[in-house]
Amino acid sequence: MMTETIEARGHTTREGVLNLSVNVGLADADVFVVIRVKPVISADAVDEHGWPLGFFDQVAGSMPDLQRAPQGQFEERLTLE
């Protein structure tokens, strides 16, 4: 058997347990399994551009100590004809 990627959706129990039962087609064999848990974000929890609702409200102002330095005086330039 070649390495195979299987994608599936599941639902956890109230205790946070995900129960899986996957038929891999191998009987009585040792296998290596990698599980990556990625929470599903519902379509109503994102804006029209795919950003989570309230994302920019939470990050705006996250660097309050960042201040723009004084820019000084702008030099006089010759006018173009």
C-alpha atoms as a PDB file:
ATOM      1  CA  MET A   1       0.000   0.000   0.000  1.00  0.00           C
ATOM      2  CA  MET A   2       1.228   3.460  -0.875  1.00  0.00           C
ATOM      3  CA  THR A   3       1.042   6.390   1.516  1.00  0.00           C
ATOM      4  CA  GLU A   4      -2.474   7.768   1.344  1.00  0.00           C
ATOM      5  CA  THR A   5      -4.020  10.985   2.598  1.00  0.00           C
ATOM      6  CA  ILE A   6      -7.548  10.621   3.904  1.00  0.00           C
ATOM      7  CA  GLU A   7      -9.568  13.735   4.688  1.00  0.00           C
ATOM      8  CA  ALA A   8     -12.679  13.530   6.800  1.00  0.00           C
ATOM      9  CA  ARG A   9     -14.926  15.699   8.930  1.00  0.00           C
ATOM     10  CA  GLY A  10     -16.052  14.757  12.405  1.00  0.00           C
ATOM     11  CA  HIS A  11     -17.732  16.156  15.470  1.00  0.00           C
ATOM     12  CA  THR A  12     -16.291  16.054  18.965  1.00  0.00           C
ATOM     13  CA  THR A  13     -18.119  14.973  22.090  1.00  0.00           C
ATOM     14  CA  ARG A  14     -18.901  17.368  24.930  1.00  0.00           C
ATOM     15  CA  GLU A  15     -15.670  16.204  26.561  1.00  0.00           C
ATOM     16  CA  GLY A  16     -13.675  17.217  23.465  1.00  0.00           C
ATOM     17  CA  VAL A  17     -13.069  13.665  22.214  1.00  0.00           C
ATOM     18  CA  LEU A  18     -13.099  12.855  18.505  1.00  0.00           C
ATOM     19  CA  ASN A  19     -13.859   9.206  17.755  1.00  0.00           C
ATOM     20  CA  LEU A  20     -12.552   7.940  14.411  1.00  0.00           C
ATOM     21  CA  SER A  21     -13.161   4.738  12.525  1.00  0.00           C
ATOM     22  CA  VAL A  22     -11.338   4.638   9.180  1.00  0.00           C
ATOM     23  CA  ASN A  23     -11.110   1.671   6.820  1.00  0.00           C
ATOM     24  CA  VAL A  24      -7.584   1.715   5.379  1.00  0.00           C
ATOM     25  CA  GLY A  25      -7.780  -1.619   3.570  1.00  0.00           C
ATOM     26  CA  LEU A  26      -5.020  -3.333   5.572  1.00  0.00           C
ATOM     27  CA  ALA A  27      -5.788  -6.245   7.855  1.00  0.00           C
ATOM     28  CA  ASP A  28      -3.678  -6.983  10.936  1.00  0.00           C
ATOM     29  CA  ALA A  29      -0.947  -4.454  10.041  1.00  0.00           C
ATOM     30  CA  ASP A  30       1.008  -1.787  11.876  1.00  0.00           C
ATOM     31  CA  VAL A  31       0.427   1.676  10.422  1.00  0.00           C
ATOM     32  CA  PHE A  32       1.683   5.181  11.149  1.00  0.00           C
ATOM     33  CA  VAL A  33      -1.109   7.740  11.543  1.00  0.00           C
ATOM     34  CA  VAL A  34      -0.867  11.542  11.577  1.00  0.00           C
ATOM     35  CA  ILE A  35      -3.872  13.547  12.714  1.00  0.00           C
ATOM     36  CA  ARG A  36      -4.145  17.292  12.157  1.00  0.00           C
ATOM     37  CA  VAL A  37      -7.080  18.933  13.916  1.00  0.00           C
ATOM     38  CA  LYS A  38      -8.397  22.078  12.224  1.00  0.00           C
ATOM     39  CA  PRO A  39     -11.586  23.675  13.567  1.00  0.00           C
ATOM     40  CA  VAL A  40     -14.222  24.325  10.924  1.00  0.00           C
ATOM     41  CA  ILE A  41     -15.274  27.962  10.723  1.00  0.00           C
ATOM     42  CA  SER A  42     -18.880  28.362   9.686  1.00  0.00           C
ATOM     43  CA  ALA A  43     -19.602  30.555   6.675  1.00  0.00           C
ATOM     44  CA  ASP A  44     -21.505  33.064   8.811  1.00  0.00           C
ATOM     45  CA  ALA A  45     -18.442  33.588  11.048  1.00  0.00           C
ATOM     46  CA  VAL A  46     -16.440  35.242   8.241  1.00  0.00           C
ATOM     47  CA  ASP A  47     -16.909  38.412   6.210  1.00  0.00           C
ATOM     48  CA  GLU A  48     -17.246  38.628   2.413  1.00  0.00           C
ATOM     49  CA  HIS A  49     -13.437  38.467   2.045  1.00  0.00           C
ATOM     50  CA  GLY A  50     -13.016  35.384   4.230  1.00  0.00           C
ATOM     51  CA  TRP A  51     -11.690  37.166   7.333  1.00  0.00           C
ATOM     52  CA  PRO A  52     -13.104  36.100  10.726  1.00  0.00           C
ATOM     53  CA  LEU A  53     -15.713  38.561  11.994  1.00  0.00           C
ATOM     54  CA  GLY A  54     -14.170  41.153  14.313  1.00  0.00           C
ATOM     55  CA  PHE A  55     -10.603  40.246  13.279  1.00  0.00           C
ATOM     56  CA  PHE A  56      -9.526  43.799  12.478  1.00  0.00           C
ATOM     57  CA  ASP A  57     -11.276  45.171  15.566  1.00  0.00           C
ATOM     58  CA  GLN A  58      -9.084  42.899  17.669  1.00  0.00           C
ATOM     59  CA  VAL A  59      -5.771  43.697  15.952  1.00  0.00           C
ATOM     60  CA  ALA A  60      -6.274  47.430  15.397  1.00  0.00           C
ATOM     61  CA  GLY A  61      -4.231  49.276  17.986  1.00  0.00           C
ATOM     62  CA  SER A  62      -2.353  46.165  19.049  1.00  0.00           C
ATOM     63  CA  MET A  63       0.892  48.161  18.980  1.00  0.00           C
ATOM     64  CA  PRO A  64      -0.019  51.268  21.005  1.00  0.00           C
ATOM     65  CA  ASP A  65       3.654  52.155  21.614  1.00  0.00           C
ATOM     66  CA  LEU A  66       4.337  52.508  17.882  1.00  0.00           C
ATOM     67  CA  GLN A  67       4.540  56.240  17.135  1.00  0.00           C
ATOM     68  CA  ARG A  68       5.484  58.022  13.929  1.00  0.00           C
ATOM     69  CA  ALA A  69       8.553  60.224  14.402  1.00  0.00           C
ATOM     70  CA  PRO A  70       8.311  63.949  13.582  1.00  0.00           C
ATOM     71  CA  GLN A  71       8.722  64.478   9.843  1.00  0.00           C
ATOM     72  CA  GLY A  72      10.422  67.858   9.973  1.00  0.00           C
ATOM     73  CA  GLN A  73       9.965  70.613   7.407  1.00  0.00           C
ATOM     74  CA  PHE A  74       9.333  69.901   3.751  1.00  0.00           C
ATOM     75  CA  GLU A  75      11.889  71.566   1.475  1.00  0.00           C
ATOM     76  CA  GLU A  76      10.804  74.102  -1.163  1.00  0.00           C
ATOM     77  CA  ARG A  77      11.095  72.724  -4.691  1.00  0.00           C
ATOM     78  CA  LEU A  78      11.195  74.432  -8.051  1.00  0.00           C
ATOM     79  CA  THR A  79       7.883  74.504  -9.859  1.00  0.00           C
ATOM     80  CA  LEU A  80       7.528  72.562 -13.093  1.00  0.00           C
ATOM     81  CA  GLU A  81       6.654  74.431 -16.282  1.00  0.00           C
END
